[in-house]
């Protein structure tokens, strides 16, 4: 079984195989709706897709973050001014830093393409 290590916020937070994901204890014990936990689970879904050959590899945490943002943040939302980004992030149950990053990439597409955005 091949395992991919998932790092988020400078910490190893999970490991994923083609069919399973293992959260670190710190995230596993958090409530189901915890924004960081949810985000890392989507990063793990990306790792599984790569390991099954459904998406091109190799796995990278940056690509996994882009995948999670694309899955969790409606594109239409980024087309509008967000008067309270923190509240919007809480409503979406995602880390505010990821909503900020999605806004920055939406407002400056060159920032995303420079890092190899998902197609």
C-alpha atoms as a PDB file:
ATOM      1  CA  UNK A   1       0.000   0.000   0.000  1.00  0.00           C
ATOM      2  CA  UNK A   2       1.371   3.393  -1.016  1.00  0.00           C
ATOM      3  CA  UNK A   3       0.829   6.207   1.513  1.00  0.00           C
ATOM      4  CA  UNK A   4       1.071   9.915   0.812  1.00  0.00           C
ATOM      5  CA  UNK A   5       1.876  12.285   3.669  1.00  0.00           C
ATOM      6  CA  UNK A   6      -0.388  15.341   3.792  1.00  0.00           C
ATOM      7  CA  UNK A   7       1.047  18.512   5.288  1.00  0.00           C
ATOM      8  CA  UNK A   8      -1.007  21.578   6.152  1.00  0.00           C
ATOM      9  CA  UNK A   9       0.059  24.659   8.056  1.00  0.00           C
ATOM     10  CA  UNK A  10       3.583  23.302   8.397  1.00  0.00           C
ATOM     11  CA  UNK A  11       2.449  20.101  10.135  1.00  0.00           C
ATOM     12  CA  UNK A  12       1.864  16.541   9.010  1.00  0.00           C
ATOM     13  CA  UNK A  13      -1.905  16.231   9.395  1.00  0.00           C
ATOM     14  CA  UNK A  14      -2.824  13.025   7.569  1.00  0.00           C
ATOM     15  CA  UNK A  15      -1.709  10.116   5.448  1.00  0.00           C
ATOM     16  CA  UNK A  16      -3.703   8.816   2.506  1.00  0.00           C
ATOM     17  CA  UNK A  17      -3.720   5.697   0.380  1.00  0.00           C
ATOM     18  CA  UNK A  18      -5.710   5.100  -2.772  1.00  0.00           C
ATOM     19  CA  UNK A  19      -8.741   4.052  -0.688  1.00  0.00           C
ATOM     20  CA  UNK A  20      -8.264   5.341   2.881  1.00  0.00           C
ATOM     21  CA  UNK A  21      -7.174   8.370   4.823  1.00  0.00           C
ATOM     22  CA  UNK A  22      -5.777   8.583   8.327  1.00  0.00           C
ATOM     23  CA  UNK A  23      -6.093  11.919  10.148  1.00  0.00           C
ATOM     24  CA  UNK A  24      -3.623  12.901  12.851  1.00  0.00           C
ATOM     25  CA  UNK A  25      -5.096  12.613  16.324  1.00  0.00           C
ATOM     26  CA  UNK A  26      -5.377  16.404  16.713  1.00  0.00           C
ATOM     27  CA  UNK A  27      -7.759  16.603  13.718  1.00  0.00           C
ATOM     28  CA  UNK A  28      -9.470  13.254  14.259  1.00  0.00           C
ATOM     29  CA  UNK A  29     -10.724  14.452  17.656  1.00  0.00           C
ATOM     30  CA  UNK A  30     -12.136  17.731  16.348  1.00  0.00           C
ATOM     31  CA  UNK A  31     -15.841  18.160  15.546  1.00  0.00           C
ATOM     32  CA  UNK A  32     -16.948  17.003  12.100  1.00  0.00           C
ATOM     33  CA  UNK A  33     -17.658  20.602  11.015  1.00  0.00           C
ATOM     34  CA  UNK A  34     -14.186  21.889  11.991  1.00  0.00           C
ATOM     35  CA  UNK A  35     -12.880  23.974   9.058  1.00  0.00           C
ATOM     36  CA  UNK A  36      -9.302  22.672   9.117  1.00  0.00           C
ATOM     37  CA  UNK A  37     -10.473  19.058   9.460  1.00  0.00           C
ATOM     38  CA  UNK A  38     -12.840  19.443   6.516  1.00  0.00           C
ATOM     39  CA  UNK A  39     -10.162  21.070   4.387  1.00  0.00           C
ATOM     40  CA  UNK A  40      -7.606  18.342   5.137  1.00  0.00           C
ATOM     41  CA  UNK A  41     -10.173  15.646   4.284  1.00  0.00           C
ATOM     42  CA  UNK A  42     -10.544  17.196   0.834  1.00  0.00           C
ATOM     43  CA  UNK A  43      -6.761  17.292   0.482  1.00  0.00           C
ATOM     44  CA  UNK A  44      -6.856  13.576   1.273  1.00  0.00           C
ATOM     45  CA  UNK A  45      -9.512  13.036  -1.385  1.00  0.00           C
ATOM     46  CA  UNK A  46      -7.127  14.619  -3.888  1.00  0.00           C
ATOM     47  CA  UNK A  47      -4.313  12.303  -2.749  1.00  0.00           C
ATOM     48  CA  UNK A  48      -6.588   9.296  -3.260  1.00  0.00           C
ATOM     49  CA  UNK A  49      -7.546  10.492  -6.742  1.00  0.00           C
ATOM     50  CA  UNK A  50      -3.859  10.832  -7.653  1.00  0.00           C
ATOM     51  CA  UNK A  51      -2.951   7.424  -6.230  1.00  0.00           C
ATOM     52  CA  UNK A  52      -5.808   5.752  -8.143  1.00  0.00           C
ATOM     53  CA  UNK A  53      -4.688   7.447 -11.364  1.00  0.00           C
ATOM     54  CA  UNK A  54      -7.876   9.490 -11.678  1.00  0.00           C
ATOM     55  CA  UNK A  55      -5.816  12.693 -11.599  1.00  0.00           C
ATOM     56  CA  UNK A  56      -2.269  13.159 -12.870  1.00  0.00           C
ATOM     57  CA  UNK A  57       0.475  12.980 -10.286  1.00  0.00           C
ATOM     58  CA  UNK A  58       2.640  13.289  -8.475  1.00  0.00           C
ATOM     59  CA  UNK A  59       0.818  14.423  -5.329  1.00  0.00           C
ATOM     60  CA  UNK A  60       1.705  17.849  -3.963  1.00  0.00           C
ATOM     61  CA  UNK A  61       0.244  19.665  -0.972  1.00  0.00           C
ATOM     62  CA  UNK A  62      -0.174  22.836  -3.049  1.00  0.00           C
ATOM     63  CA  UNK A  63      -2.204  20.993  -5.708  1.00  0.00           C
ATOM     64  CA  UNK A  64      -4.207  19.342  -2.922  1.00  0.00           C
ATOM     65  CA  UNK A  65      -4.997  22.767  -1.446  1.00  0.00           C
ATOM     66  CA  UNK A  66      -6.137  24.030  -4.858  1.00  0.00           C
ATOM     67  CA  UNK A  67      -8.336  20.938  -5.245  1.00  0.00           C
ATOM     68  CA  UNK A  68      -9.876  21.469  -1.797  1.00  0.00           C
ATOM     69  CA  UNK A  69     -10.509  25.165  -2.478  1.00  0.00           C
ATOM     70  CA  UNK A  70     -12.149  24.332  -5.821  1.00  0.00           C
ATOM     71  CA  UNK A  71     -14.376  21.746  -4.153  1.00  0.00           C
ATOM     72  CA  UNK A  72     -15.367  23.820  -1.125  1.00  0.00           C
ATOM     73  CA  UNK A  73     -15.588  27.396  -2.431  1.00  0.00           C
ATOM     74  CA  UNK A  74     -18.275  28.161  -5.029  1.00  0.00           C
ATOM     75  CA  UNK A  75     -16.696  29.966  -7.970  1.00  0.00           C
ATOM     76  CA  UNK A  76     -19.596  32.422  -8.150  1.00  0.00           C
ATOM     77  CA  UNK A  77     -18.796  33.570  -4.619  1.00  0.00           C
ATOM     78  CA  UNK A  78     -15.360  34.759  -5.706  1.00  0.00           C
ATOM     79  CA  UNK A  79     -16.913  37.027  -8.319  1.00  0.00           C
ATOM     80  CA  UNK A  80     -18.484  39.207  -5.603  1.00  0.00           C
ATOM     81  CA  UNK A  81     -17.134  41.510  -2.919  1.00  0.00           C
ATOM     82  CA  UNK A  82     -17.037  39.737   0.443  1.00  0.00           C
ATOM     83  CA  UNK A  83     -17.653  42.359   3.123  1.00  0.00           C
ATOM     84  CA  UNK A  84     -16.837  39.913   5.939  1.00  0.00           C
ATOM     85  CA  UNK A  85     -14.405  37.260   4.755  1.00  0.00           C
ATOM     86  CA  UNK A  86     -14.099  35.652   8.192  1.00  0.00           C
ATOM     87  CA  UNK A  87     -17.862  35.177   8.493  1.00  0.00           C
ATOM     88  CA  UNK A  88     -18.073  33.821   4.954  1.00  0.00           C
ATOM     89  CA  UNK A  89     -15.304  31.322   5.729  1.00  0.00           C
ATOM     90  CA  UNK A  90     -17.133  30.205   8.903  1.00  0.00           C
ATOM     91  CA  UNK A  91     -20.322  29.747   6.896  1.00  0.00           C
ATOM     92  CA  UNK A  92     -18.478  27.627   4.324  1.00  0.00           C
ATOM     93  CA  UNK A  93     -16.695  25.800   7.174  1.00  0.00           C
ATOM     94  CA  UNK A  94     -13.263  26.388   5.658  1.00  0.00           C
ATOM     95  CA  UNK A  95     -10.149  28.117   6.985  1.00  0.00           C
ATOM     96  CA  UNK A  96     -10.304  31.868   6.351  1.00  0.00           C
ATOM     97  CA  UNK A  97      -6.753  31.737   4.995  1.00  0.00           C
ATOM     98  CA  UNK A  98      -7.944  29.437   2.195  1.00  0.00           C
ATOM     99  CA  UNK A  99     -10.788  31.754   1.240  1.00  0.00           C
ATOM    100  CA  UNK A 100      -8.275  34.616   1.207  1.00  0.00           C
ATOM    101  CA  UNK A 101      -5.990  32.584  -1.075  1.00  0.00           C
ATOM    102  CA  UNK A 102      -8.875  31.711  -3.402  1.00  0.00           C
ATOM    103  CA  UNK A 103      -9.764  35.426  -3.627  1.00  0.00           C
ATOM    104  CA  UNK A 104      -6.161  36.334  -4.405  1.00  0.00           C
ATOM    105  CA  UNK A 105      -5.952  33.688  -7.137  1.00  0.00           C
ATOM    106  CA  UNK A 106      -9.302  34.757  -8.589  1.00  0.00           C
ATOM    107  CA  UNK A 107      -8.255  38.412  -8.637  1.00  0.00           C
ATOM    108  CA  UNK A 108      -4.806  37.573 -10.074  1.00  0.00           C
ATOM    109  CA  UNK A 109      -4.974  34.457 -12.290  1.00  0.00           C
ATOM    110  CA  UNK A 110      -1.207  34.690 -12.936  1.00  0.00           C
ATOM    111  CA  UNK A 111      -0.657  33.811  -9.272  1.00  0.00           C
ATOM    112  CA  UNK A 112      -2.483  30.497  -9.769  1.00  0.00           C
ATOM    113  CA  UNK A 113      -0.897  29.593 -13.114  1.00  0.00           C
ATOM    114  CA  UNK A 114       2.578  30.268 -11.762  1.00  0.00           C
ATOM    115  CA  UNK A 115       2.058  27.462  -9.280  1.00  0.00           C
ATOM    116  CA  UNK A 116       0.536  25.011 -11.749  1.00  0.00           C
ATOM    117  CA  UNK A 117      -3.202  25.248 -11.165  1.00  0.00           C
ATOM    118  CA  UNK A 118      -5.478  22.285 -11.626  1.00  0.00           C
ATOM    119  CA  UNK A 119      -7.048  22.156 -15.041  1.00  0.00           C
END
